[in-house]
N, C-alpha and C. Protein backbone atom coordinates (compact mmCIF):
# COMPACT_ATOMS: atom_id res chain seq x y z
N MET A 1 68.28 115.38 88.19
CA MET A 1 68.51 115.27 86.81
C MET A 1 69.72 114.37 86.53
N LYS A 2 70.69 114.44 87.43
CA LYS A 2 71.87 113.60 87.26
C LYS A 2 71.56 112.12 87.25
N GLU A 3 70.55 111.66 87.99
CA GLU A 3 70.16 110.26 88.03
C GLU A 3 69.62 109.74 86.72
N LEU A 4 69.14 110.62 85.85
CA LEU A 4 68.58 110.20 84.58
C LEU A 4 69.65 110.00 83.51
N GLN A 5 70.80 110.47 83.72
CA GLN A 5 71.85 110.29 82.76
C GLN A 5 72.37 108.84 82.77
N PRO A 6 72.65 108.27 81.60
CA PRO A 6 73.16 106.89 81.54
C PRO A 6 74.51 106.79 82.20
N ASN A 7 74.72 105.63 82.85
CA ASN A 7 76.03 105.36 83.46
C ASN A 7 76.96 104.73 82.43
N LEU A 8 77.85 105.49 81.89
CA LEU A 8 78.79 105.01 80.86
C LEU A 8 79.98 104.28 81.56
N LEU A 9 80.30 103.17 81.00
CA LEU A 9 81.42 102.41 81.58
C LEU A 9 82.73 102.98 80.99
N ASP A 10 83.64 103.37 81.84
CA ASP A 10 84.89 103.95 81.41
C ASP A 10 86.08 103.12 81.89
N ASP A 11 85.92 101.81 81.89
CA ASP A 11 87.01 100.99 82.35
C ASP A 11 87.84 100.51 81.13
N TYR A 12 88.94 99.86 81.42
CA TYR A 12 89.89 99.44 80.39
C TYR A 12 89.25 98.51 79.36
N GLU A 13 88.54 97.54 79.81
CA GLU A 13 87.93 96.55 78.92
C GLU A 13 86.98 97.28 77.93
N HIS A 14 86.16 98.15 78.44
CA HIS A 14 85.16 98.81 77.59
C HIS A 14 85.82 99.85 76.72
N LEU A 15 86.90 100.46 77.14
CA LEU A 15 87.66 101.41 76.31
C LEU A 15 88.17 100.76 75.03
N ILE A 16 88.75 99.56 75.20
CA ILE A 16 89.29 98.82 74.06
C ILE A 16 88.16 98.31 73.17
N SER A 17 87.17 97.66 73.79
CA SER A 17 86.06 97.10 73.05
C SER A 17 85.28 98.17 72.23
N ARG A 18 85.00 99.30 72.87
CA ARG A 18 84.30 100.37 72.16
C ARG A 18 85.18 100.99 71.05
N GLY A 19 86.49 101.04 71.34
CA GLY A 19 87.39 101.53 70.32
C GLY A 19 87.36 100.65 69.09
N ILE A 20 87.36 99.35 69.25
CA ILE A 20 87.34 98.43 68.13
C ILE A 20 85.95 98.56 67.42
N GLU A 21 84.91 98.67 68.16
CA GLU A 21 83.58 98.80 67.50
C GLU A 21 83.42 100.07 66.71
N HIS A 22 83.91 101.22 67.24
CA HIS A 22 83.73 102.51 66.62
C HIS A 22 84.73 102.82 65.49
N HIS A 23 85.92 102.28 65.60
CA HIS A 23 86.99 102.68 64.69
C HIS A 23 87.51 101.57 63.79
N SER A 24 86.95 100.35 63.83
CA SER A 24 87.54 99.22 63.10
C SER A 24 87.64 99.43 61.63
N GLY A 25 86.74 100.20 61.04
CA GLY A 25 86.80 100.41 59.58
C GLY A 25 87.62 101.57 59.16
N GLU A 26 88.17 102.28 60.02
CA GLU A 26 88.95 103.48 59.63
C GLU A 26 90.39 103.09 59.15
N ALA A 27 90.92 103.92 58.29
CA ALA A 27 92.27 103.67 57.78
C ALA A 27 93.24 103.93 58.93
N GLY A 28 94.22 103.11 59.06
CA GLY A 28 95.27 103.28 60.08
C GLY A 28 94.92 102.62 61.39
N PHE A 29 93.71 102.06 61.51
CA PHE A 29 93.32 101.39 62.74
C PHE A 29 94.00 100.00 62.77
N PRO A 30 94.58 99.61 63.89
CA PRO A 30 95.27 98.32 64.00
C PRO A 30 94.29 97.15 63.76
N GLN A 31 94.71 96.18 62.96
CA GLN A 31 93.84 95.03 62.67
C GLN A 31 94.28 93.83 63.51
N MET A 32 93.30 93.05 63.95
CA MET A 32 93.60 91.85 64.79
C MET A 32 94.37 90.84 64.00
N GLU A 33 94.10 90.72 62.68
CA GLU A 33 94.81 89.72 61.83
C GLU A 33 96.26 89.99 61.82
N GLU A 34 96.63 91.30 61.75
CA GLU A 34 98.06 91.64 61.69
C GLU A 34 98.71 91.33 63.03
N ALA A 35 97.97 91.41 64.14
CA ALA A 35 98.54 91.08 65.45
C ALA A 35 98.61 89.60 65.71
N GLY A 36 97.84 88.84 64.89
CA GLY A 36 97.88 87.36 65.04
C GLY A 36 97.00 86.86 66.18
N ILE A 37 95.94 87.55 66.51
CA ILE A 37 95.01 87.12 67.55
C ILE A 37 93.63 87.05 67.06
N THR A 38 92.77 86.37 67.78
CA THR A 38 91.35 86.33 67.45
C THR A 38 90.58 87.22 68.47
N ARG A 39 89.34 87.52 68.15
CA ARG A 39 88.55 88.35 69.04
C ARG A 39 88.33 87.64 70.38
N GLU A 40 88.21 86.34 70.37
CA GLU A 40 88.01 85.58 71.62
C GLU A 40 89.24 85.72 72.55
N GLU A 41 90.44 85.63 71.94
CA GLU A 41 91.60 85.73 72.74
C GLU A 41 91.76 87.16 73.35
N LEU A 42 91.43 88.13 72.53
CA LEU A 42 91.46 89.51 73.01
C LEU A 42 90.43 89.69 74.14
N ASP A 43 89.20 89.22 73.96
CA ASP A 43 88.22 89.33 74.98
C ASP A 43 88.58 88.66 76.31
N ASP A 44 89.21 87.51 76.17
CA ASP A 44 89.70 86.76 77.38
C ASP A 44 90.71 87.61 78.07
N PHE A 45 91.68 88.14 77.32
CA PHE A 45 92.77 88.99 77.90
C PHE A 45 92.15 90.18 78.58
N LEU A 46 91.24 90.90 77.86
CA LEU A 46 90.66 92.10 78.45
C LEU A 46 89.87 91.82 79.69
N PHE A 47 89.15 90.68 79.72
CA PHE A 47 88.39 90.29 80.89
C PHE A 47 89.31 90.05 82.08
N GLU A 48 90.39 89.33 81.85
CA GLU A 48 91.32 89.02 82.95
C GLU A 48 92.01 90.31 83.47
N VAL A 49 92.38 91.26 82.60
CA VAL A 49 93.00 92.49 83.05
C VAL A 49 92.01 93.29 83.83
N GLN A 50 90.77 93.40 83.36
CA GLN A 50 89.74 94.13 84.05
C GLN A 50 89.42 93.55 85.38
N SER A 51 89.41 92.22 85.49
CA SER A 51 89.08 91.60 86.80
C SER A 51 90.25 91.85 87.79
N ALA A 52 91.47 91.93 87.27
CA ALA A 52 92.61 92.30 88.16
C ALA A 52 92.48 93.74 88.59
N LEU A 53 92.10 94.63 87.69
CA LEU A 53 91.94 96.01 88.05
C LEU A 53 90.80 96.24 89.02
N ASP A 54 89.73 95.42 88.92
CA ASP A 54 88.55 95.55 89.80
C ASP A 54 88.70 94.74 91.10
N SER A 55 89.80 94.05 91.26
CA SER A 55 89.91 93.15 92.41
C SER A 55 89.96 93.90 93.76
N GLU A 56 90.38 95.11 93.75
CA GLU A 56 90.45 95.90 94.98
C GLU A 56 89.03 96.33 95.43
N GLY A 57 88.04 96.29 94.58
CA GLY A 57 86.71 96.67 94.97
C GLY A 57 86.42 98.12 94.61
N SER A 58 85.27 98.57 94.89
CA SER A 58 84.90 99.95 94.65
C SER A 58 85.66 100.87 95.56
N GLN A 59 85.62 102.14 95.28
CA GLN A 59 86.29 103.11 96.15
C GLN A 59 85.67 103.10 97.54
N LYS A 60 84.38 102.98 97.62
CA LYS A 60 83.66 102.94 98.89
C LYS A 60 84.12 101.74 99.72
N ALA A 61 84.22 100.56 99.10
CA ALA A 61 84.71 99.35 99.79
C ALA A 61 86.15 99.47 100.22
N GLN A 62 86.99 100.09 99.38
CA GLN A 62 88.38 100.27 99.78
C GLN A 62 88.53 101.19 100.96
N LEU A 63 87.79 102.30 100.98
CA LEU A 63 87.84 103.27 102.07
C LEU A 63 87.32 102.61 103.36
N THR A 64 86.33 101.78 103.25
CA THR A 64 85.81 101.12 104.41
C THR A 64 86.80 100.14 105.01
N LYS A 65 87.42 99.33 104.13
CA LYS A 65 88.48 98.39 104.60
C LYS A 65 89.60 99.11 105.29
N TYR A 66 90.15 100.14 104.62
CA TYR A 66 91.34 100.83 105.16
C TYR A 66 90.94 101.60 106.43
N GLY A 67 89.76 102.11 106.51
CA GLY A 67 89.30 102.83 107.67
C GLY A 67 89.18 101.89 108.89
N ILE A 68 88.65 100.67 108.66
CA ILE A 68 88.59 99.65 109.75
C ILE A 68 89.96 99.26 110.20
N VAL A 69 90.88 99.07 109.27
CA VAL A 69 92.25 98.65 109.63
C VAL A 69 92.91 99.82 110.41
N ALA A 70 92.67 101.05 110.01
CA ALA A 70 93.27 102.23 110.69
C ALA A 70 92.78 102.36 112.12
N VAL A 71 91.51 102.01 112.37
CA VAL A 71 90.92 102.17 113.71
C VAL A 71 91.21 101.00 114.63
N LEU A 72 91.50 99.89 114.07
CA LEU A 72 91.67 98.66 114.85
C LEU A 72 92.70 98.79 116.00
N PRO A 73 93.92 99.34 115.77
CA PRO A 73 94.82 99.50 116.89
C PRO A 73 94.30 100.35 118.01
N ILE A 74 93.51 101.38 117.71
CA ILE A 74 92.94 102.19 118.75
C ILE A 74 91.95 101.41 119.58
N ILE A 75 91.16 100.58 118.90
CA ILE A 75 90.20 99.69 119.62
C ILE A 75 90.93 98.69 120.51
N ILE A 76 92.05 98.17 120.00
CA ILE A 76 92.82 97.19 120.79
C ILE A 76 93.45 97.92 121.99
N PHE A 77 93.96 99.09 121.76
CA PHE A 77 94.60 99.85 122.85
C PHE A 77 93.58 100.20 123.97
N SER A 78 92.34 100.42 123.54
CA SER A 78 91.30 100.78 124.56
C SER A 78 90.95 99.61 125.45
N ALA A 79 91.34 98.40 125.13
CA ALA A 79 91.08 97.25 125.98
C ALA A 79 92.01 97.16 127.20
N PHE A 80 93.09 97.96 127.18
CA PHE A 80 94.08 97.87 128.20
C PHE A 80 94.07 99.18 129.07
N PRO A 81 94.47 99.07 130.29
CA PRO A 81 94.59 100.29 131.13
C PRO A 81 95.63 101.18 130.58
N GLU A 82 95.47 102.45 130.77
CA GLU A 82 96.40 103.43 130.20
C GLU A 82 97.83 103.27 130.70
N ASN A 83 98.01 102.84 131.93
CA ASN A 83 99.37 102.70 132.46
C ASN A 83 100.09 101.47 131.82
N MET A 84 99.38 100.55 131.14
CA MET A 84 100.03 99.41 130.53
C MET A 84 100.41 99.67 129.05
N LEU A 85 99.95 100.80 128.55
CA LEU A 85 100.13 101.07 127.09
C LEU A 85 101.53 101.72 126.90
N PRO A 86 102.13 101.46 125.70
CA PRO A 86 103.40 102.10 125.42
C PRO A 86 103.14 103.60 125.13
N GLY A 87 104.04 104.43 125.49
CA GLY A 87 103.91 105.87 125.23
C GLY A 87 103.02 106.59 126.17
N ARG A 88 102.46 105.94 127.16
CA ARG A 88 101.60 106.48 128.21
C ARG A 88 100.61 107.53 127.70
N GLY A 89 100.94 108.79 127.79
CA GLY A 89 100.03 109.88 127.38
C GLY A 89 99.86 110.07 125.85
N TYR A 90 100.71 109.38 125.10
CA TYR A 90 100.64 109.45 123.64
C TYR A 90 100.09 108.18 123.00
N ALA A 91 99.44 107.35 123.78
CA ALA A 91 98.96 106.03 123.30
C ALA A 91 97.96 106.22 122.19
N LEU A 92 97.09 107.18 122.26
CA LEU A 92 96.12 107.47 121.21
C LEU A 92 96.81 107.81 119.87
N TYR A 93 97.78 108.67 119.95
CA TYR A 93 98.50 109.04 118.76
C TYR A 93 99.32 107.91 118.16
N LEU A 94 99.85 107.08 119.07
CA LEU A 94 100.63 105.89 118.66
C LEU A 94 99.66 104.90 118.00
N GLY A 95 98.47 104.73 118.50
CA GLY A 95 97.49 103.87 117.90
C GLY A 95 97.04 104.34 116.49
N ILE A 96 96.86 105.67 116.39
CA ILE A 96 96.47 106.26 115.11
C ILE A 96 97.65 106.04 114.10
N GLY A 97 98.86 106.23 114.53
CA GLY A 97 100.02 106.09 113.69
C GLY A 97 100.14 104.65 113.21
N ILE A 98 100.00 103.69 114.14
CA ILE A 98 100.10 102.28 113.78
C ILE A 98 98.95 101.88 112.82
N GLY A 99 97.76 102.42 113.08
CA GLY A 99 96.62 102.11 112.20
C GLY A 99 96.80 102.66 110.78
N LEU A 100 97.28 103.88 110.70
CA LEU A 100 97.58 104.46 109.40
C LEU A 100 98.68 103.67 108.66
N LEU A 101 99.69 103.33 109.38
CA LEU A 101 100.81 102.55 108.79
C LEU A 101 100.25 101.20 108.27
N LEU A 102 99.44 100.52 109.05
CA LEU A 102 98.86 99.25 108.58
C LEU A 102 98.02 99.44 107.37
N ALA A 103 97.19 100.47 107.34
CA ALA A 103 96.30 100.73 106.19
C ALA A 103 97.15 101.04 104.91
N LEU A 104 98.17 101.86 105.07
CA LEU A 104 99.02 102.18 103.90
C LEU A 104 99.77 100.92 103.45
N LEU A 105 100.21 100.10 104.39
CA LEU A 105 100.88 98.85 104.03
C LEU A 105 99.98 97.93 103.24
N TRP A 106 98.72 97.79 103.71
CA TRP A 106 97.74 96.94 103.01
C TRP A 106 97.46 97.49 101.67
N LYS A 107 97.26 98.81 101.52
CA LYS A 107 96.98 99.40 100.19
C LYS A 107 98.20 99.21 99.31
N GLY A 108 99.44 99.37 99.76
CA GLY A 108 100.62 99.16 98.96
C GLY A 108 100.69 97.70 98.47
N LEU A 109 100.48 96.76 99.37
CA LEU A 109 100.46 95.37 99.00
C LEU A 109 99.41 95.01 97.99
N SER A 110 98.24 95.56 98.09
CA SER A 110 97.18 95.28 97.16
C SER A 110 97.46 95.89 95.81
N MET A 111 98.09 97.06 95.78
CA MET A 111 98.49 97.64 94.47
C MET A 111 99.58 96.82 93.82
N LEU A 112 100.55 96.39 94.65
CA LEU A 112 101.56 95.47 94.06
C LEU A 112 101.01 94.23 93.50
N SER A 113 100.03 93.66 94.21
CA SER A 113 99.38 92.43 93.77
C SER A 113 98.73 92.62 92.40
N VAL A 114 98.00 93.73 92.26
CA VAL A 114 97.34 94.03 90.99
C VAL A 114 98.37 94.26 89.91
N ARG A 115 99.40 94.99 90.14
CA ARG A 115 100.43 95.18 89.11
C ARG A 115 101.11 93.86 88.69
N HIS A 116 101.31 93.03 89.68
CA HIS A 116 101.95 91.75 89.44
C HIS A 116 101.05 90.86 88.53
N ARG A 117 99.74 90.81 88.88
CA ARG A 117 98.80 90.04 88.09
C ARG A 117 98.72 90.56 86.64
N ILE A 118 98.68 91.85 86.46
CA ILE A 118 98.59 92.45 85.12
C ILE A 118 99.88 92.20 84.32
N SER A 119 101.02 92.30 84.97
CA SER A 119 102.27 92.06 84.27
C SER A 119 102.42 90.57 83.85
N ASN A 120 101.93 89.69 84.69
CA ASN A 120 101.92 88.24 84.32
C ASN A 120 100.97 88.05 83.12
N LEU A 121 99.80 88.67 83.18
CA LEU A 121 98.84 88.55 82.05
C LEU A 121 99.48 89.07 80.74
N ARG A 122 100.12 90.22 80.84
CA ARG A 122 100.72 90.83 79.66
C ARG A 122 101.87 89.97 79.13
N ARG A 123 102.62 89.38 80.03
CA ARG A 123 103.75 88.58 79.64
C ARG A 123 103.28 87.22 78.99
N ASN A 124 102.18 86.69 79.45
CA ASN A 124 101.61 85.44 78.94
C ASN A 124 100.78 85.65 77.67
N ASN A 125 100.32 86.83 77.42
CA ASN A 125 99.51 87.16 76.26
C ASN A 125 100.11 88.40 75.50
N GLU A 126 101.31 88.27 75.05
CA GLU A 126 102.01 89.41 74.44
C GLU A 126 101.29 89.95 73.22
N ALA A 127 100.76 89.11 72.40
CA ALA A 127 100.06 89.56 71.18
C ALA A 127 98.84 90.35 71.52
N ALA A 128 98.00 89.82 72.44
CA ALA A 128 96.75 90.50 72.80
C ALA A 128 97.13 91.84 73.51
N ALA A 129 98.20 91.83 74.38
CA ALA A 129 98.57 93.02 75.10
C ALA A 129 99.07 94.07 74.11
N GLY A 130 99.86 93.69 73.15
CA GLY A 130 100.35 94.60 72.14
C GLY A 130 99.25 95.24 71.31
N TYR A 131 98.26 94.37 70.91
CA TYR A 131 97.13 94.86 70.14
C TYR A 131 96.27 95.82 70.95
N ALA A 132 96.04 95.47 72.21
CA ALA A 132 95.25 96.38 73.10
C ALA A 132 95.97 97.71 73.25
N ASP A 133 97.28 97.69 73.38
CA ASP A 133 98.03 98.94 73.51
C ASP A 133 97.89 99.77 72.26
N LYS A 134 97.91 99.15 71.08
CA LYS A 134 97.82 99.87 69.80
C LYS A 134 96.40 100.50 69.70
N VAL A 135 95.36 99.76 70.09
CA VAL A 135 94.03 100.23 70.01
C VAL A 135 93.85 101.43 70.98
N GLU A 136 94.37 101.23 72.20
CA GLU A 136 94.25 102.32 73.20
C GLU A 136 94.95 103.59 72.66
N ALA A 137 96.13 103.46 72.10
CA ALA A 137 96.87 104.63 71.57
C ALA A 137 96.02 105.25 70.47
N TYR A 138 95.47 104.44 69.59
CA TYR A 138 94.68 105.00 68.44
C TYR A 138 93.45 105.79 68.96
N VAL A 139 92.78 105.15 69.91
CA VAL A 139 91.58 105.77 70.44
C VAL A 139 91.92 107.08 71.16
N LYS A 140 92.95 107.05 71.93
CA LYS A 140 93.33 108.35 72.67
C LYS A 140 93.80 109.40 71.71
N ARG A 141 94.48 108.95 70.61
CA ARG A 141 94.93 109.90 69.63
C ARG A 141 93.77 110.58 68.94
N ASN A 142 92.75 109.79 68.58
CA ASN A 142 91.57 110.29 67.90
C ASN A 142 90.63 111.07 68.75
N VAL A 143 90.63 110.82 70.09
CA VAL A 143 89.78 111.57 70.97
C VAL A 143 90.37 112.96 71.16
N ALA A 144 91.69 113.10 71.12
CA ALA A 144 92.39 114.33 71.35
C ALA A 144 92.14 115.27 70.14
N ARG A 145 91.75 114.77 68.99
CA ARG A 145 91.50 115.64 67.84
C ARG A 145 90.35 116.50 67.95
């Protein structure tokens, strides 16, 4: 039965776009003219922000990447005789630790990259970012009612 339900998009771009479509005629809703932007500028900004948010890939793809990175040191350690490995009897645990550290490092760097891209977009498109923030706040405020 779950497969028959429509897949609703709940990402940032669609949140703002749907908010504009559903609430644009209501009193108190932020107007694009007051913000000094056009719909095309807003759409371009929302597309760029959403592409930055989606750049890490799906959750399945992320887990696959980080899992491979975490296992890689163990595979490399298995290519050497045990007496050549650091930590001798603890080489497996050392490999697991190094793999987890590398996976966490990669995740942290990718998160920083996404934040940096979004902050640059917001800095370069202040009017569109401000308007999107106002729409988001309005939509969240009205959903809570």
